[in-house]
PDB file of N, CA and C in Angstrom:
ATOM      1  N   MET A   1       0.800  -1.466  -0.001  1.00  0.00           N
ATOM      2  CA  MET A   1      -0.244  -0.008  -0.029  1.00  0.00           C
ATOM      3  C   MET A   1       0.677   1.448   0.133  1.00  0.00           C
ATOM      4  N   THR A   2       0.529   2.146  -0.905  1.00  0.00           N
ATOM      5  CA  THR A   2       1.578   3.638  -0.332  1.00  0.00           C
ATOM      6  C   THR A   2       1.032   4.324  -0.042  1.00  0.00           C
ATOM      7  N   LYS A   3       2.187   5.131   1.438  1.00  0.00           N
ATOM      8  CA  LYS A   3       1.427   5.953   2.028  1.00  0.00           C
ATOM      9  C   LYS A   3       1.381   7.480   1.408  1.00  0.00           C
ATOM     10  N   ILE A   4       0.701   8.248   1.610  1.00  0.00           N
ATOM     11  CA  ILE A   4       0.204   9.636   1.267  1.00  0.00           C
ATOM     12  C   ILE A   4       0.869  10.611   1.933  1.00  0.00           C
ATOM     13  N   LEU A   5       2.043  11.087   1.520  1.00  0.00           N
ATOM     14  CA  LEU A   5       1.979  12.895   2.745  1.00  0.00           C
ATOM     15  C   LEU A   5       1.311  13.961   2.260  1.00  0.00           C
ATOM     16  N   HIS A   6       0.954  14.618   2.774  1.00  0.00           N
ATOM     17  CA  HIS A   6       1.032  16.139   2.566  1.00  0.00           C
ATOM     18  C   HIS A   6       2.543  16.994   2.641  1.00  0.00           C
ATOM     19  N   VAL A   7       2.796  17.717   1.383  1.00  0.00           N
ATOM     20  CA  VAL A   7       3.677  18.635   1.753  1.00  0.00           C
ATOM     21  C   VAL A   7       4.075  19.460   0.959  1.00  0.00           C
ATOM     22  N   GLN A   8       4.679  20.886   1.972  1.00  0.00           N
ATOM     23  CA  GLN A   8       4.105  21.825   1.266  1.00  0.00           C
ATOM     24  C   GLN A   8       5.796  22.831   0.703  1.00  0.00           C
ATOM     25  N   THR A   9       6.125  23.813   0.005  1.00  0.00           N
ATOM     26  CA  THR A   9       6.850  24.304  -0.383  1.00  0.00           C
ATOM     27  C   THR A   9       7.145  26.034  -0.334  1.00  0.00           C
ATOM     28  N   VAL A  10       7.921  26.660  -0.342  1.00  0.00           N
ATOM     29  CA  VAL A  10       7.743  28.117  -0.647  1.00  0.00           C
ATOM     30  C   VAL A  10       7.420  27.939  -2.100  1.00  0.00           C
ATOM     31  N   LEU A  11       7.182  29.037  -2.986  1.00  0.00           N
ATOM     32  CA  LEU A  11       7.190  29.496  -4.115  1.00  0.00           C
ATOM     33  C   LEU A  11       6.783  30.888  -4.431  1.00  0.00           C
ATOM     34  N   THR A  12       7.791  32.053  -5.430  1.00  0.00           N
ATOM     35  CA  THR A  12       7.157  32.955  -5.552  1.00  0.00           C
ATOM     36  C   THR A  12       5.816  32.779  -6.129  1.00  0.00           C
ATOM     37  N   ASN A  13       5.341  34.212  -6.713  1.00  0.00           N
ATOM     38  CA  ASN A  13       4.175  34.076  -7.325  1.00  0.00           C
ATOM     39  C   ASN A  13       4.534  33.902  -8.528  1.00  0.00           C
ATOM     40  N   ASP A  14       5.627  34.678  -9.243  1.00  0.00           N
ATOM     41  CA  ASP A  14       5.703  34.443 -10.172  1.00  0.00           C
ATOM     42  C   ASP A  14       6.250  33.121 -10.453  1.00  0.00           C
ATOM     43  N   ASP A  15       7.048  32.873  -9.881  1.00  0.00           N
ATOM     44  CA  ASP A  15       7.314  31.145 -10.493  1.00  0.00           C
ATOM     45  C   ASP A  15       5.735  30.162 -10.682  1.00  0.00           C
ATOM     46  N   LEU A  16       5.331  30.253  -9.802  1.00  0.00           N
ATOM     47  CA  LEU A  16       3.890  29.621  -9.330  1.00  0.00           C
ATOM     48  C   LEU A  16       3.247  29.849 -10.633  1.00  0.00           C
ATOM     49  N   GLU A  17       2.729  31.031 -11.257  1.00  0.00           N
ATOM     50  CA  GLU A  17       2.273  31.487 -12.287  1.00  0.00           C
ATOM     51  C   GLU A  17       2.975  30.587 -13.725  1.00  0.00           C
ATOM     52  N   ALA A  18       4.374  30.793 -13.446  1.00  0.00           N
ATOM     53  CA  ALA A  18       5.166  29.791 -14.582  1.00  0.00           C
ATOM     54  C   ALA A  18       5.091  28.705 -14.628  1.00  0.00           C
ATOM     55  N   LEU A  19       4.852  27.963 -13.347  1.00  0.00           N
ATOM     56  CA  LEU A  19       4.535  26.436 -13.522  1.00  0.00           C
ATOM     57  C   LEU A  19       3.287  26.184 -13.970  1.00  0.00           C
ATOM     58  N   LYS A  20       2.138  27.145 -13.683  1.00  0.00           N
ATOM     59  CA  LYS A  20       0.662  26.814 -14.107  1.00  0.00           C
ATOM     60  C   LYS A  20       0.918  26.857 -15.748  1.00  0.00           C
ATOM     61  N   LYS A  21       1.453  27.768 -16.226  1.00  0.00           N
ATOM     62  CA  LYS A  21       1.639  28.289 -17.370  1.00  0.00           C
ATOM     63  C   LYS A  21       1.898  27.440 -18.536  1.00  0.00           C
ATOM     64  N   LYS A  22       3.100  26.924 -17.811  1.00  0.00           N
ATOM     65  CA  LYS A  22       4.026  25.922 -19.021  1.00  0.00           C
ATOM     66  C   LYS A  22       3.315  24.742 -19.025  1.00  0.00           C
ATOM     67  N   SER A  23       2.736  24.236 -17.329  1.00  0.00           N
ATOM     68  CA  SER A  23       2.434  22.390 -17.284  1.00  0.00           C
ATOM     69  C   SER A  23       1.109  22.515 -17.729  1.00  0.00           C
ATOM     70  N   GLY A  24       0.502  23.524 -17.723  1.00  0.00           N
ATOM     71  CA  GLY A  24      -1.050  23.626 -18.475  1.00  0.00           C
ATOM     72  C   GLY A  24      -2.400  23.249 -17.585  1.00  0.00           C
ATOM     73  N   HIS A  25      -1.968  23.376 -16.224  1.00  0.00           N
ATOM     74  CA  HIS A  25      -2.951  23.096 -15.804  1.00  0.00           C
ATOM     75  C   HIS A  25      -3.128  24.757 -14.838  1.00  0.00           C
ATOM     76  N   ASN A  26      -4.272  24.395 -14.139  1.00  0.00           N
ATOM     77  CA  ASN A  26      -4.807  25.872 -13.562  1.00  0.00           C
ATOM     78  C   ASN A  26      -4.369  25.960 -12.314  1.00  0.00           C
ATOM     79  N   THR A  27      -4.460  24.747 -11.761  1.00  0.00           N
ATOM     80  CA  THR A  27      -4.637  24.516 -10.177  1.00  0.00           C
ATOM     81  C   THR A  27      -3.433  24.402  -9.570  1.00  0.00           C
ATOM     82  N   THR A  28      -2.791  24.986  -8.440  1.00  0.00           N
ATOM     83  CA  THR A  28      -1.667  25.084  -7.644  1.00  0.00           C
ATOM     84  C   THR A  28      -1.089  23.535  -7.757  1.00  0.00           C
ATOM     85  N   LYS A  29      -2.198  22.771  -7.249  1.00  0.00           N
ATOM     86  CA  LYS A  29      -1.512  21.022  -6.682  1.00  0.00           C
ATOM     87  C   LYS A  29      -1.342  20.511  -7.886  1.00  0.00           C
ATOM     88  N   ASP A  30      -2.444  20.484  -9.175  1.00  0.00           N
ATOM     89  CA  ASP A  30      -2.091  19.857 -10.008  1.00  0.00           C
ATOM     90  C   ASP A  30      -0.542  20.439 -11.101  1.00  0.00           C
ATOM     91  N   ALA A  31      -0.368  21.552 -11.123  1.00  0.00           N
ATOM     92  CA  ALA A  31       1.097  22.372 -12.025  1.00  0.00           C
ATOM     93  C   ALA A  31       2.403  21.729 -10.949  1.00  0.00           C
ATOM     94  N   VAL A  32       1.970  21.730  -9.209  1.00  0.00           N
ATOM     95  CA  VAL A  32       3.143  21.167  -8.462  1.00  0.00           C
ATOM     96  C   VAL A  32       3.160  19.600  -8.641  1.00  0.00           C
ATOM     97  N   ALA A  33       2.076  19.389  -9.146  1.00  0.00           N
ATOM     98  CA  ALA A  33       1.986  17.356  -9.003  1.00  0.00           C
ATOM     99  C   ALA A  33       2.703  16.815 -10.299  1.00  0.00           C
ATOM    100  N   ALA A  34       2.079  17.717 -11.397  1.00  0.00           N
ATOM    101  CA  ALA A  34       3.238  17.605 -12.941  1.00  0.00           C
ATOM    102  C   ALA A  34       4.451  17.810 -12.748  1.00  0.00           C
ATOM    103  N   ALA A  35       4.635  18.812 -12.206  1.00  0.00           N
ATOM    104  CA  ALA A  35       6.648  18.475 -12.435  1.00  0.00           C
ATOM    105  C   ALA A  35       7.009  18.116 -11.486  1.00  0.00           C
ATOM    106  N   VAL A  36       6.476  17.270 -10.580  1.00  0.00           N
ATOM    107  CA  VAL A  36       6.901  16.428  -9.909  1.00  0.00           C
ATOM    108  C   VAL A  36       7.219  15.079 -10.542  1.00  0.00           C
ATOM    109  N   GLU A  37       6.207  14.776 -10.711  1.00  0.00           N
ATOM    110  CA  GLU A  37       5.506  13.268 -11.681  1.00  0.00           C
ATOM    111  C   GLU A  37       7.044  13.802 -13.289  1.00  0.00           C
ATOM    112  N   HIS A  38       6.903  14.654 -13.577  1.00  0.00           N
ATOM    113  CA  HIS A  38       8.123  14.947 -14.650  1.00  0.00           C
ATOM    114  C   HIS A  38       9.566  15.103 -14.136  1.00  0.00           C
ATOM    115  N   TYR A  39       9.859  15.317 -13.305  1.00  0.00           N
ATOM    116  CA  TYR A  39      11.103  14.906 -12.878  1.00  0.00           C
ATOM    117  C   TYR A  39      11.651  14.149 -12.001  1.00  0.00           C
ATOM    118  N   LEU A  40      10.450  13.487 -11.701  1.00  0.00           N
ATOM    119  CA  LEU A  40      10.868  11.919 -11.342  1.00  0.00           C
ATOM    120  C   LEU A  40      11.123  10.622 -12.732  1.00  0.00           C
ATOM    121  N   GLU A  41      10.199  11.198 -13.887  1.00  0.00           N
ATOM    122  CA  GLU A  41      10.152  10.449 -14.955  1.00  0.00           C
ATOM    123  C   GLU A  41      11.037  11.105 -16.136  1.00  0.00           C
ATOM    124  N   CYS A  42      11.517  11.681 -16.072  1.00  0.00           N
ATOM    125  CA  CYS A  42      12.517  12.426 -16.629  1.00  0.00           C
ATOM    126  C   CYS A  42      14.137  11.878 -16.850  1.00  0.00           C
ATOM    127  N   PRO A  43      14.661  11.248 -17.966  1.00  0.00           N
ATOM    128  CA  PRO A  43      16.014  10.775 -17.964  1.00  0.00           C
ATOM    129  C   PRO A  43      17.425  11.662 -17.644  1.00  0.00           C
ATOM    130  N   TYR A  44      16.915  12.765 -17.832  1.00  0.00           N
ATOM    131  CA  TYR A  44      17.825  14.011 -17.399  1.00  0.00           C
ATOM    132  C   TYR A  44      18.586  14.215 -16.009  1.00  0.00           C
ATOM    133  N   THR A  45      17.607  13.917 -15.396  1.00  0.00           N
ATOM    134  CA  THR A  45      17.643  14.044 -13.823  1.00  0.00           C
ATOM    135  C   THR A  45      18.437  12.911 -13.081  1.00  0.00           C
ATOM    136  N   ASP A  46      18.731  12.010 -14.008  1.00  0.00           N
ATOM    137  CA  ASP A  46      20.081  10.781 -12.771  1.00  0.00           C
ATOM    138  C   ASP A  46      20.885  10.896 -13.694  1.00  0.00           C
ATOM    139  N   GLU A  47      21.372  11.987 -14.083  1.00  0.00           N
ATOM    140  CA  GLU A  47      22.571  12.450 -14.730  1.00  0.00           C
ATOM    141  C   GLU A  47      23.470  13.209 -13.742  1.00  0.00           C
ATOM    142  N   GLY A  48      24.689  13.212 -13.759  1.00  0.00           N
ATOM    143  CA  GLY A  48      24.985  14.769 -12.236  1.00  0.00           C
ATOM    144  C   GLY A  48      25.195  15.808 -12.653  1.00  0.00           C
ATOM    145  N   ASP A  49      24.940  15.977 -13.658  1.00  0.00           N
ATOM    146  CA  ASP A  49      25.260  17.411 -14.406  1.00  0.00           C
ATOM    147  C   ASP A  49      24.239  17.531 -15.665  1.00  0.00           C
ATOM    148  N   MET A  50      22.776  17.299 -15.307  1.00  0.00           N
ATOM    149  CA  MET A  50      21.735  17.314 -16.625  1.00  0.00           C
ATOM    150  C   MET A  50      21.761  18.382 -17.301  1.00  0.00           C
ATOM    151  N   TRP A  51      22.254  19.231 -17.336  1.00  0.00           N
ATOM    152  CA  TRP A  51      22.405  20.186 -18.139  1.00  0.00           C
ATOM    153  C   TRP A  51      23.502  20.031 -19.292  1.00  0.00           C
ATOM    154  N   ALA A  52      24.524  19.460 -18.878  1.00  0.00           N
ATOM    155  CA  ALA A  52      25.561  19.041 -19.485  1.00  0.00           C
ATOM    156  C   ALA A  52      24.917  17.818 -20.480  1.00  0.00           C
ATOM    157  N   GLU A  53      24.187  17.400 -20.109  1.00  0.00           N
ATOM    158  CA  GLU A  53      24.547  15.770 -20.724  1.00  0.00           C
ATOM    159  C   GLU A  53      23.334  16.362 -21.514  1.00  0.00           C
ATOM    160  N   ARG A  54      22.368  17.077 -21.410  1.00  0.00           N
ATOM    161  CA  ARG A  54      20.984  17.678 -22.305  1.00  0.00           C
ATOM    162  C   ARG A  54      21.506  18.502 -23.464  1.00  0.00           C
ATOM    163  N   LEU A  55      22.177  19.530 -23.252  1.00  0.00           N
ATOM    164  CA  LEU A  55      23.079  20.390 -24.087  1.00  0.00           C
ATOM    165  C   LEU A  55      24.069  19.216 -25.075  1.00  0.00           C
ATOM    166  N   LYS A  56      25.012  18.573 -24.441  1.00  0.00           N
ATOM    167  CA  LYS A  56      25.585  17.345 -25.324  1.00  0.00           C
ATOM    168  C   LYS A  56      24.643  16.559 -26.165  1.00  0.00           C
ATOM    169  N   LYS A  57      23.137  15.915 -25.786  1.00  0.00           N
ATOM    170  CA  LYS A  57      22.269  15.313 -26.651  1.00  0.00           C
ATOM    171  C   LYS A  57      21.789  16.339 -27.334  1.00  0.00           C
ATOM    172  N   THR A  58      21.891  17.552 -27.424  1.00  0.00           N
ATOM    173  CA  THR A  58      21.112  18.398 -28.042  1.00  0.00           C
ATOM    174  C   THR A  58      21.669  18.999 -29.227  1.00  0.00           C
ATOM    175  N   ILE A  59      23.221  19.011 -29.130  1.00  0.00           N
ATOM    176  CA  ILE A  59      24.237  19.216 -30.245  1.00  0.00           C
ATOM    177  C   ILE A  59      24.525  17.942 -30.673  1.00  0.00           C
ATOM    178  N   ASP A  60      24.706  16.397 -30.502  1.00  0.00           N
ATOM    179  CA  ASP A  60      24.575  15.455 -31.685  1.00  0.00           C
ATOM    180  C   ASP A  60      23.597  15.380 -32.293  1.00  0.00           C
ATOM    181  N   ASN A  61      21.982  15.460 -31.650  1.00  0.00           N
ATOM    182  CA  ASN A  61      21.126  15.735 -31.967  1.00  0.00           C
ATOM    183  C   ASN A  61      20.860  16.798 -33.905  1.00  0.00           C
ATOM    184  N   ARG A  62      21.989  17.630 -33.631  1.00  0.00           N
ATOM    185  CA  ARG A  62      21.394  18.604 -35.134  1.00  0.00           C
ATOM    186  C   ARG A  62      22.691  18.251 -35.750  1.00  0.00           C
ATOM    187  N   LYS A  63      23.766  17.702 -35.019  1.00  0.00           N
ATOM    188  CA  LYS A  63      25.121  17.455 -35.859  1.00  0.00           C
ATOM    189  C   LYS A  63      24.508  16.143 -37.706  1.00  0.00           C
ATOM    190  N   LYS A  64      23.641  15.837 -37.350  1.00  0.00           N
ATOM    191  CA  LYS A  64      22.479  14.551 -37.750  1.00  0.00           C
ATOM    192  C   LYS A  64      22.106  15.106 -39.044  1.00  0.00           C
TER     193      LYS A  64
END
């Protein structure tokens, strides 16, 4: 059985509105849940330096 927890964080209003817009969700709860789900599933988050790895992949794709 999965244990469900209630968590809190502090975000600026601008960051929260940007997250809602980017995620396509109108509610804070849905936008944050979508961001967490994406982070957990994204292959780049397993890398030590995810930005360097992502940039390398983008450059490799453009060379093809």
